[in-house]
PDB file of all heavy atoms in Angstrom:
ATOM      1  N   ARG A   1      66.578  79.556 124.272  1.00  0.00           N
ATOM      2  CA  ARG A   1      65.939  80.642 124.973  1.00  0.00           C
ATOM      3  C   ARG A   1      65.196  80.145 126.290  1.00  0.00           C
ATOM      4  O   ARG A   1      64.296  80.808 126.807  1.00  0.00           O
ATOM      5  CB  ARG A   1      64.938  81.343 124.086  1.00  0.00           C
ATOM      6  CG  ARG A   1      65.628  81.920 122.852  1.00  0.00           C
ATOM      7  CD  ARG A   1      64.750  82.880 122.130  1.00  0.00           C
ATOM      8  NE  ARG A   1      65.546  83.591 121.118  1.00  0.00           N
ATOM      9  CZ  ARG A   1      65.316  84.785 120.724  1.00  0.00           C
ATOM     10  NH1 ARG A   1      64.382  85.567 121.346  1.00  0.00           N
ATOM     11  NH2 ARG A   1      66.006  85.341 119.773  1.00  0.00           N
ATOM     12  N   ALA A   2      65.633  78.970 126.690  1.00  0.00           N
ATOM     13  CA  ALA A   2      64.961  78.377 127.949  1.00  0.00           C
ATOM     14  C   ALA A   2      65.354  79.186 129.169  1.00  0.00           C
ATOM     15  O   ALA A   2      66.435  79.839 129.240  1.00  0.00           O
ATOM     16  CB  ALA A   2      65.459  76.915 128.032  1.00  0.00           C
ATOM     17  N   LYS A   3      64.472  79.102 130.179  1.00  0.00           N
ATOM     18  CA  LYS A   3      64.762  79.631 131.472  1.00  0.00           C
ATOM     19  C   LYS A   3      65.491  78.593 132.282  1.00  0.00           C
ATOM     20  O   LYS A   3      64.978  77.573 132.485  1.00  0.00           O
ATOM     21  CB  LYS A   3      63.450  80.128 132.092  1.00  0.00           C
ATOM     22  CG  LYS A   3      63.599  80.740 133.552  1.00  0.00           C
ATOM     23  CD  LYS A   3      62.289  81.059 134.160  1.00  0.00           C
ATOM     24  CE  LYS A   3      62.515  81.682 135.568  1.00  0.00           C
ATOM     25  NZ  LYS A   3      61.183  81.962 136.181  1.00  0.00           N
ATOM     26  N   LEU A   4      66.717  78.893 132.784  1.00  0.00           N
ATOM     27  CA  LEU A   4      67.491  78.025 133.615  1.00  0.00           C
ATOM     28  C   LEU A   4      67.463  78.462 135.075  1.00  0.00           C
ATOM     29  O   LEU A   4      67.796  79.606 135.332  1.00  0.00           O
ATOM     30  CB  LEU A   4      68.911  77.945 133.010  1.00  0.00           C
ATOM     31  CG  LEU A   4      69.089  77.604 131.565  1.00  0.00           C
ATOM     32  CD1 LEU A   4      70.549  77.680 131.181  1.00  0.00           C
ATOM     33  CD2 LEU A   4      68.582  76.216 131.356  1.00  0.00           C
ATOM     34  N   THR A   5      67.148  77.518 135.898  1.00  0.00           N
ATOM     35  CA  THR A   5      67.028  77.866 137.401  1.00  0.00           C
ATOM     36  C   THR A   5      67.985  76.912 138.154  1.00  0.00           C
ATOM     37  O   THR A   5      67.862  75.735 138.023  1.00  0.00           O
ATOM     38  CB  THR A   5      65.649  77.746 137.881  1.00  0.00           C
ATOM     39  OG1 THR A   5      64.776  78.474 137.042  1.00  0.00           O
ATOM     40  CG2 THR A   5      65.584  78.182 139.301  1.00  0.00           C
ATOM     41  N   PRO A   6      68.956  77.472 138.925  1.00  0.00           N
ATOM     42  CA  PRO A   6      69.878  76.608 139.712  1.00  0.00           C
ATOM     43  C   PRO A   6      68.999  75.715 140.638  1.00  0.00           C
ATOM     44  O   PRO A   6      68.024  76.093 141.164  1.00  0.00           O
ATOM     45  CB  PRO A   6      70.625  77.665 140.537  1.00  0.00           C
ATOM     46  CG  PRO A   6      70.672  78.911 139.742  1.00  0.00           C
ATOM     47  CD  PRO A   6      69.260  78.914 139.066  1.00  0.00           C
ATOM     48  N   LYS A   7      69.478  74.482 140.693  1.00  0.00           N
ATOM     49  CA  LYS A   7      68.772  73.462 141.480  1.00  0.00           C
ATOM     50  C   LYS A   7      69.665  72.864 142.559  1.00  0.00           C
ATOM     51  O   LYS A   7      70.769  72.300 142.181  1.00  0.00           O
ATOM     52  CB  LYS A   7      68.301  72.340 140.507  1.00  0.00           C
ATOM     53  CG  LYS A   7      67.635  71.187 141.127  1.00  0.00           C
ATOM     54  CD  LYS A   7      67.337  70.090 140.050  1.00  0.00           C
ATOM     55  CE  LYS A   7      66.684  68.861 140.627  1.00  0.00           C
ATOM     56  NZ  LYS A   7      66.395  67.888 139.585  1.00  0.00           N
ATOM     57  N   ASP A   8      69.188  72.952 143.789  1.00  0.00           N
ATOM     58  CA  ASP A   8      69.976  72.413 144.890  1.00  0.00           C
ATOM     59  C   ASP A   8      69.501  70.980 145.245  1.00  0.00           C
ATOM     60  O   ASP A   8      68.973  70.718 146.358  1.00  0.00           O
ATOM     61  CB  ASP A   8      69.916  73.336 146.117  1.00  0.00           C
ATOM     62  CG  ASP A   8      70.895  72.925 147.240  1.00  0.00           C
ATOM     63  OD1 ASP A   8      71.809  72.152 146.936  1.00  0.00           O
ATOM     64  OD2 ASP A   8      70.694  73.365 148.377  1.00  0.00           O
ATOM     65  N   ALA A   9      69.637  70.133 144.249  1.00  0.00           N
ATOM     66  CA  ALA A   9      69.057  68.761 144.486  1.00  0.00           C
ATOM     67  C   ALA A   9      69.725  67.879 143.353  1.00  0.00           C
ATOM     68  O   ALA A   9      70.362  68.365 142.458  1.00  0.00           O
ATOM     69  CB  ALA A   9      67.524  68.702 144.264  1.00  0.00           C
ATOM     70  N   PRO A  10      69.683  66.534 143.587  1.00  0.00           N
ATOM     71  CA  PRO A  10      70.364  65.638 142.624  1.00  0.00           C
ATOM     72  C   PRO A  10      69.881  65.797 141.199  1.00  0.00           C
ATOM     73  O   PRO A  10      68.673  66.144 141.004  1.00  0.00           O
ATOM     74  CB  PRO A  10      70.101  64.288 143.168  1.00  0.00           C
ATOM     75  CG  PRO A  10      69.848  64.449 144.612  1.00  0.00           C
ATOM     76  CD  PRO A  10      69.139  65.831 144.699  1.00  0.00           C
ATOM     77  N   ALA A  11      70.777  65.606 140.233  1.00  0.00           N
ATOM     78  CA  ALA A  11      70.459  65.777 138.798  1.00  0.00           C
ATOM     79  C   ALA A  11      69.491  64.669 138.383  1.00  0.00           C
ATOM     80  O   ALA A  11      69.552  63.515 138.766  1.00  0.00           O
ATOM     81  CB  ALA A  11      71.682  65.743 137.981  1.00  0.00           C
ATOM     82  N   GLU A  12      68.592  65.047 137.435  1.00  0.00           N
ATOM     83  CA  GLU A  12      67.700  64.044 136.834  1.00  0.00           C
ATOM     84  C   GLU A  12      67.525  64.406 135.324  1.00  0.00           C
ATOM     85  O   GLU A  12      67.926  65.515 134.908  1.00  0.00           O
ATOM     86  CB  GLU A  12      66.327  64.082 137.523  1.00  0.00           C
ATOM     87  CG  GLU A  12      65.598  65.446 137.540  1.00  0.00           C
ATOM     88  CD  GLU A  12      64.374  65.403 138.422  1.00  0.00           C
ATOM     89  OE1 GLU A  12      63.920  64.319 138.808  1.00  0.00           O
ATOM     90  OE2 GLU A  12      63.889  66.468 138.722  1.00  0.00           O
ATOM     91  N   ASN A  13      67.045  63.479 134.615  1.00  0.00           N
ATOM     92  CA  ASN A  13      66.829  63.689 133.155  1.00  0.00           C
ATOM     93  C   ASN A  13      66.031  64.971 132.891  1.00  0.00           C
ATOM     94  O   ASN A  13      65.012  65.222 133.562  1.00  0.00           O
ATOM     95  CB  ASN A  13      66.132  62.564 132.496  1.00  0.00           C
ATOM     96  CG  ASN A  13      67.111  61.364 132.308  1.00  0.00           C
ATOM     97  OD1 ASN A  13      68.337  61.542 132.245  1.00  0.00           O
ATOM     98  ND2 ASN A  13      66.536  60.114 132.281  1.00  0.00           N
ATOM     99  N   GLY A  14      66.533  65.707 131.909  1.00  0.00           N
ATOM    100  CA  GLY A  14      65.856  67.006 131.539  1.00  0.00           C
ATOM    101  C   GLY A  14      66.541  68.221 132.186  1.00  0.00           C
ATOM    102  O   GLY A  14      66.467  69.355 131.714  1.00  0.00           O
ATOM    103  N   ASN A  15      67.457  68.009 133.186  1.00  0.00           N
ATOM    104  CA  ASN A  15      68.212  69.069 133.816  1.00  0.00           C
ATOM    105  C   ASN A  15      69.428  69.440 132.912  1.00  0.00           C
ATOM    106  O   ASN A  15      69.963  68.583 132.131  1.00  0.00           O
ATOM    107  CB  ASN A  15      68.791  68.638 135.165  1.00  0.00           C
ATOM    108  CG  ASN A  15      67.724  68.567 136.222  1.00  0.00           C
ATOM    109  OD1 ASN A  15      67.944  67.927 137.277  1.00  0.00           O
ATOM    110  ND2 ASN A  15      66.533  69.014 135.989  1.00  0.00           N
ATOM    111  N   GLN A  16      69.818  70.719 133.017  1.00  0.00           N
ATOM    112  CA  GLN A  16      71.066  71.136 132.312  1.00  0.00           C
ATOM    113  C   GLN A  16      72.135  71.044 133.350  1.00  0.00           C
ATOM    114  O   GLN A  16      72.080  71.576 134.383  1.00  0.00           O
ATOM    115  CB  GLN A  16      70.954  72.521 131.785  1.00  0.00           C
ATOM    116  CG  GLN A  16      72.164  72.902 130.849  1.00  0.00           C
ATOM    117  CD  GLN A  16      72.641  74.285 131.028  1.00  0.00           C
ATOM    118  OE1 GLN A  16      72.956  74.759 132.077  1.00  0.00           O
ATOM    119  NE2 GLN A  16      72.782  74.966 129.864  1.00  0.00           N
ATOM    120  N   LEU A  17      73.285  70.355 132.917  1.00  0.00           N
ATOM    121  CA  LEU A  17      74.450  70.202 133.726  1.00  0.00           C
ATOM    122  C   LEU A  17      75.597  70.879 133.093  1.00  0.00           C
ATOM    123  O   LEU A  17      75.689  70.967 131.917  1.00  0.00           O
ATOM    124  CB  LEU A  17      74.793  68.786 134.009  1.00  0.00           C
ATOM    125  CG  LEU A  17      73.702  67.803 134.472  1.00  0.00           C
ATOM    126  CD1 LEU A  17      74.315  66.420 134.769  1.00  0.00           C
ATOM    127  CD2 LEU A  17      72.999  68.316 135.675  1.00  0.00           C
ATOM    128  N   GLU A  18      76.521  71.386 133.919  1.00  0.00           N
ATOM    129  CA  GLU A  18      77.876  71.658 133.425  1.00  0.00           C
ATOM    130  C   GLU A  18      78.856  70.788 134.158  1.00  0.00           C
ATOM    131  O   GLU A  18      78.836  70.782 135.424  1.00  0.00           O
ATOM    132  CB  GLU A  18      78.165  73.220 133.690  1.00  0.00           C
ATOM    133  CG  GLU A  18      77.448  74.152 132.786  1.00  0.00           C
ATOM    134  CD  GLU A  18      77.842  75.586 132.939  1.00  0.00           C
ATOM    135  OE1 GLU A  18      78.825  75.866 133.716  1.00  0.00           O
ATOM    136  OE2 GLU A  18      77.204  76.460 132.321  1.00  0.00           O
ATOM    137  N   ILE A  19      79.694  70.079 133.417  1.00  0.00           N
ATOM    138  CA  ILE A  19      80.486  69.135 133.991  1.00  0.00           C
ATOM    139  C   ILE A  19      82.002  69.263 133.523  1.00  0.00           C
ATOM    140  O   ILE A  19      82.233  69.756 132.414  1.00  0.00           O
ATOM    141  CB  ILE A  19      80.058  67.683 133.691  1.00  0.00           C
ATOM    142  CG1 ILE A  19      80.161  67.372 132.241  1.00  0.00           C
ATOM    143  CG2 ILE A  19      78.651  67.431 134.180  1.00  0.00           C
ATOM    144  CD1 ILE A  19      79.907  65.882 131.830  1.00  0.00           C
ATOM    145  N   ASP A  20      82.906  68.885 134.403  1.00  0.00           N
ATOM    146  CA  ASP A  20      84.302  68.684 134.005  1.00  0.00           C
ATOM    147  C   ASP A  20      84.483  67.218 133.800  1.00  0.00           C
ATOM    148  O   ASP A  20      83.949  66.357 134.600  1.00  0.00           O
ATOM    149  CB  ASP A  20      85.327  69.165 135.074  1.00  0.00           C
ATOM    150  CG  ASP A  20      85.240  70.666 135.334  1.00  0.00           C
ATOM    151  OD1 ASP A  20      84.678  71.317 134.520  1.00  0.00           O
ATOM    152  OD2 ASP A  20      85.713  71.065 136.396  1.00  0.00           O
ATOM    153  N   PHE A  21      85.173  66.858 132.745  1.00  0.00           N
ATOM    154  CA  PHE A  21      85.414  65.370 132.621  1.00  0.00           C
ATOM    155  C   PHE A  21      86.833  65.088 131.973  1.00  0.00           C
ATOM    156  O   PHE A  21      87.323  65.984 131.243  1.00  0.00           O
ATOM    157  CB  PHE A  21      84.347  64.663 131.769  1.00  0.00           C
ATOM    158  CG  PHE A  21      84.211  65.134 130.291  1.00  0.00           C
ATOM    159  CD1 PHE A  21      85.119  64.704 129.385  1.00  0.00           C
ATOM    160  CD2 PHE A  21      83.095  65.907 129.921  1.00  0.00           C
ATOM    161  CE1 PHE A  21      84.951  65.112 128.023  1.00  0.00           C
ATOM    162  CE2 PHE A  21      82.994  66.353 128.637  1.00  0.00           C
ATOM    163  CZ  PHE A  21      83.921  65.945 127.657  1.00  0.00           C
ATOM    164  N   GLU A  22      87.330  63.970 132.268  1.00  0.00           N
ATOM    165  CA  GLU A  22      88.501  63.403 131.678  1.00  0.00           C
ATOM    166  C   GLU A  22      88.216  61.958 131.278  1.00  0.00           C
ATOM    167  O   GLU A  22      87.673  61.183 132.108  1.00  0.00           O
ATOM    168  CB  GLU A  22      89.723  63.421 132.587  1.00  0.00           C
ATOM    169  CG  GLU A  22      90.335  64.817 132.735  1.00  0.00           C
ATOM    170  CD  GLU A  22      91.647  64.785 133.510  1.00  0.00           C
ATOM    171  OE1 GLU A  22      92.106  63.723 133.828  1.00  0.00           O
ATOM    172  OE2 GLU A  22      92.274  65.819 133.623  1.00  0.00           O
ATOM    173  N   VAL A  23      88.514  61.594 130.051  1.00  0.00           N
ATOM    174  CA  VAL A  23      88.235  60.186 129.568  1.00  0.00           C
ATOM    175  C   VAL A  23      89.544  59.573 129.121  1.00  0.00           C
ATOM    176  O   VAL A  23      90.247  60.167 128.244  1.00  0.00           O
ATOM    177  CB  VAL A  23      87.255  60.202 128.383  1.00  0.00           C
ATOM    178  CG1 VAL A  23      86.903  58.839 127.950  1.00  0.00           C
ATOM    179  CG2 VAL A  23      85.928  61.040 128.744  1.00  0.00           C
ATOM    180  N   LYS A  24      89.818  58.348 129.648  1.00  0.00           N
ATOM    181  CA  LYS A  24      91.092  57.756 129.426  1.00  0.00           C
ATOM    182  C   LYS A  24      90.811  56.311 128.847  1.00  0.00           C
ATOM    183  O   LYS A  24      89.850  55.687 129.180  1.00  0.00           O
ATOM    184  CB  LYS A  24      91.959  57.586 130.620  1.00  0.00           C
ATOM    185  CG  LYS A  24      92.449  58.901 131.166  1.00  0.00           C
ATOM    186  CD  LYS A  24      93.356  58.697 132.411  1.00  0.00           C
ATOM    187  CE  LYS A  24      93.922  59.993 132.964  1.00  0.00           C
ATOM    188  NZ  LYS A  24      94.723  59.790 134.144  1.00  0.00           N
ATOM    189  N   SER A  25      91.751  55.862 127.960  1.00  0.00           N
ATOM    190  CA  SER A  25      91.789  54.520 127.450  1.00  0.00           C
ATOM    191  C   SER A  25      93.189  53.982 127.673  1.00  0.00           C
ATOM    192  O   SER A  25      94.180  54.604 127.202  1.00  0.00           O
ATOM    193  CB  SER A  25      91.411  54.504 126.042  1.00  0.00           C
ATOM    194  OG  SER A  25      91.549  53.179 125.489  1.00  0.00           O
ATOM    195  N   ASP A  26      93.265  52.875 128.388  1.00  0.00           N
ATOM    196  CA  ASP A  26      94.586  52.306 128.693  1.00  0.00           C
ATOM    197  C   ASP A  26      95.523  53.282 129.403  1.00  0.00           C
ATOM    198  O   ASP A  26      96.733  53.384 129.059  1.00  0.00           O
ATOM    199  CB  ASP A  26      95.270  51.769 127.439  1.00  0.00           C
ATOM    200  CG  ASP A  26      94.505  50.573 126.848  1.00  0.00           C
ATOM    201  OD1 ASP A  26      93.906  49.806 127.626  1.00  0.00           O
ATOM    202  OD2 ASP A  26      94.495  50.477 125.617  1.00  0.00           O
ATOM    203  N   GLY A  27      94.892  54.121 130.217  1.00  0.00           N
ATOM    204  CA  GLY A  27      95.684  55.096 130.988  1.00  0.00           C
ATOM    205  C   GLY A  27      96.013  56.336 130.339  1.00  0.00           C
ATOM    206  O   GLY A  27      96.621  57.311 130.907  1.00  0.00           O
ATOM    207  N   LYS A  28      95.637  56.556 128.994  1.00  0.00           N
ATOM    208  CA  LYS A  28      95.956  57.700 128.261  1.00  0.00           C
ATOM    209  C   LYS A  28      94.637  58.481 127.866  1.00  0.00           C
ATOM    210  O   LYS A  28      93.639  57.822 127.513  1.00  0.00           O
ATOM    211  CB  LYS A  28      96.731  57.383 126.966  1.00  0.00           C
ATOM    212  CG  LYS A  28      98.144  56.829 127.226  1.00  0.00           C
ATOM    213  CD  LYS A  28      98.826  56.515 125.975  1.00  0.00           C
ATOM    214  CE  LYS A  28     100.279  56.054 126.178  1.00  0.00           C
ATOM    215  NZ  LYS A  28     100.988  55.734 124.891  1.00  0.00           N
ATOM    216  N   ILE A  29      94.679  59.762 128.024  1.00  0.00           N
ATOM    217  CA  ILE A  29      93.503  60.567 127.660  1.00  0.00           C
ATOM    218  C   ILE A  29      93.278  60.534 126.103  1.00  0.00           C
ATOM    219  O   ILE A  29      94.154  60.663 125.312  1.00  0.00           O
ATOM    220  CB  ILE A  29      93.737  62.033 128.125  1.00  0.00           C
ATOM    221  CG1 ILE A  29      93.746  62.116 129.640  1.00  0.00           C
ATOM    222  CG2 ILE A  29      92.585  62.920 127.650  1.00  0.00           C
ATOM    223  CD1 ILE A  29      94.050  63.495 130.220  1.00  0.00           C
ATOM    224  N   ILE A  30      92.061  60.214 125.766  1.00  0.00           N
ATOM    225  CA  ILE A  30      91.716  60.099 124.314  1.00  0.00           C
ATOM    226  C   ILE A  30      91.618  61.432 123.664  1.00  0.00           C
ATOM    227  O   ILE A  30      91.441  62.470 124.436  1.00  0.00           O
ATOM    228  CB  ILE A  30      90.362  59.290 124.181  1.00  0.00           C
ATOM    229  CG1 ILE A  30      89.212  60.087 124.767  1.00  0.00           C
ATOM    230  CG2 ILE A  30      90.471  57.905 124.805  1.00  0.00           C
ATOM    231  CD1 ILE A  30      87.898  59.506 124.429  1.00  0.00           C
ATOM    232  N   ASP A  31      91.589  61.493 122.356  1.00  0.00           N
ATOM    233  CA  ASP A  31      91.413  62.754 121.664  1.00  0.00           C
ATOM    234  C   ASP A  31      90.033  63.351 121.971  1.00  0.00           C
ATOM    235  O   ASP A  31      88.953  62.691 121.952  1.00  0.00           O
ATOM    236  CB  ASP A  31      91.421  62.480 120.138  1.00  0.00           C
ATOM    237  CG  ASP A  31      92.842  62.262 119.576  1.00  0.00           C
ATOM    238  OD1 ASP A  31      93.775  62.729 120.348  1.00  0.00           O
ATOM    239  OD2 ASP A  31      93.019  61.745 118.486  1.00  0.00           O
ATOM    240  N   GLY A  32      89.998  64.640 122.379  1.00  0.00           N
ATOM    241  CA  GLY A  32      88.788  65.272 122.808  1.00  0.00           C
ATOM    242  C   GLY A  32      88.263  64.771 124.124  1.00  0.00           C
ATOM    243  O   GLY A  32      87.065  65.045 124.509  1.00  0.00           O
ATOM    244  N   GLY A  33      89.137  64.126 124.927  1.00  0.00           N
ATOM    245  CA  GLY A  33      88.686  63.509 126.197  1.00  0.00           C
ATOM    246  C   GLY A  33      88.831  64.411 127.399  1.00  0.00           C
ATOM    247  O   GLY A  33      88.704  63.916 128.519  1.00  0.00           O
ATOM    248  N   VAL A  34      89.083  65.698 127.204  1.00  0.00           N
ATOM    249  CA  VAL A  34      89.167  66.604 128.321  1.00  0.00           C
ATOM    250  C   VAL A  34      88.283  67.815 128.071  1.00  0.00           C
ATOM    251  O   VAL A  34      88.305  68.390 127.003  1.00  0.00           O
ATOM    252  CB  VAL A  34      90.625  67.099 128.562  1.00  0.00           C
ATOM    253  CG1 VAL A  34      90.633  68.151 129.672  1.00  0.00           C
ATOM    254  CG2 VAL A  34      91.535  65.962 128.803  1.00  0.00           C
ATOM    255  N   SER A  35      87.413  68.130 129.015  1.00  0.00           N
ATOM    256  CA  SER A  35      86.551  69.382 128.880  1.00  0.00           C
ATOM    257  C   SER A  35      86.290  69.929 130.207  1.00  0.00           C
ATOM    258  O   SER A  35      86.167  69.244 131.183  1.00  0.00           O
ATOM    259  CB  SER A  35      85.310  69.014 128.108  1.00  0.00           C
ATOM    260  OG  SER A  35      84.590  70.195 127.804  1.00  0.00           O
ATOM    261  N   ARG A  36      86.098  71.250 130.321  1.00  0.00           N
ATOM    262  CA  ARG A  36      85.713  71.958 131.500  1.00  0.00           C
ATOM    263  C   ARG A  36      84.425  72.740 131.293  1.00  0.00           C
ATOM    264  O   ARG A  36      84.188  73.301 130.229  1.00  0.00           O
ATOM    265  CB  ARG A  36      86.845  72.905 131.902  1.00  0.00           C
ATOM    266  CG  ARG A  36      88.212  72.288 132.162  1.00  0.00           C
ATOM    267  CD  ARG A  36      88.287  71.532 133.421  1.00  0.00           C
ATOM    268  NE  ARG A  36      89.543  70.855 133.677  1.00  0.00           N
ATOM    269  CZ  ARG A  36      89.781  69.562 133.468  1.00  0.00           C
ATOM    270  NH1 ARG A  36      88.761  68.782 133.058  1.00  0.00           N
ATOM    271  NH2 ARG A  36      90.931  69.009 133.691  1.00  0.00           N
ATOM    272  N   ASN A  37      83.561  72.674 132.276  1.00  0.00           N
ATOM    273  CA  ASN A  37      82.227  73.395 132.233  1.00  0.00           C
ATOM    274  C   ASN A  37      81.514  73.006 130.903  1.00  0.00           C
ATOM    275  O   ASN A  37      80.911  73.850 130.290  1.00  0.00           O
ATOM    276  CB  ASN A  37      82.456  74.923 132.345  1.00  0.00           C
ATOM    277  CG  ASN A  37      83.046  75.337 133.661  1.00  0.00           C
ATOM    278  OD1 ASN A  37      84.218  75.627 133.731  1.00  0.00           O
ATOM    279  ND2 ASN A  37      82.252  75.307 134.716  1.00  0.00           N
ATOM    280  N   HIS A  38      81.533  71.733 130.684  1.00  0.00           N
ATOM    281  CA  HIS A  38      80.900  71.187 129.450  1.00  0.00           C
ATOM    282  C   HIS A  38      79.394  71.154 129.686  1.00  0.00           C
ATOM    283  O   HIS A  38      78.843  70.387 130.574  1.00  0.00           O
ATOM    284  CB  HIS A  38      81.456  69.797 129.088  1.00  0.00           C
ATOM    285  CG  HIS A  38      80.998  69.296 127.795  1.00  0.00           C
ATOM    286  ND1 HIS A  38      81.824  69.451 126.640  1.00  0.00           N
ATOM    287  CD2 HIS A  38      79.909  68.700 127.344  1.00  0.00           C
ATOM    288  CE1 HIS A  38      81.194  68.976 125.627  1.00  0.00           C
ATOM    289  NE2 HIS A  38      80.071  68.476 126.004  1.00  0.00           N
ATOM    290  N   PRO A  39      78.523  71.855 128.889  1.00  0.00           N
ATOM    291  CA  PRO A  39      77.129  71.821 129.044  1.00  0.00           C
ATOM    292  C   PRO A  39      76.440  70.730 128.379  1.00  0.00           C
ATOM    293  O   PRO A  39      76.741  70.382 127.230  1.00  0.00           O
ATOM    294  CB  PRO A  39      76.669  73.203 128.500  1.00  0.00           C
ATOM    295  CG  PRO A  39      77.679  73.437 127.376  1.00  0.00           C
ATOM    296  CD  PRO A  39      78.959  72.818 127.833  1.00  0.00           C
ATOM    297  N   ILE A  40      75.530  70.038 129.074  1.00  0.00           N
ATOM    298  CA  ILE A  40      74.697  69.020 128.479  1.00  0.00           C
ATOM    299  C   ILE A  40      73.285  69.037 129.086  1.00  0.00           C
ATOM    300  O   ILE A  40      73.089  69.564 130.173  1.00  0.00           O
ATOM    301  CB  ILE A  40      75.262  67.594 128.763  1.00  0.00           C
ATOM    302  CG1 ILE A  40      75.224  67.263 130.268  1.00  0.00           C
ATOM    303  CG2 ILE A  40      76.649  67.402 128.157  1.00  0.00           C
ATOM    304  CD1 ILE A  40      75.388  65.775 130.539  1.00  0.00           C
TER     305      ILE A  40
END
């Protein structure tokens, strides 16, 4: 129920981010290694 406010500045600890990521091992994407708009 937190209040989220867009921030036009570099990310720092405590901020909520939405990220796209791909994670590879030996050139192959790992299980669960792709996500879009992943909140953290």
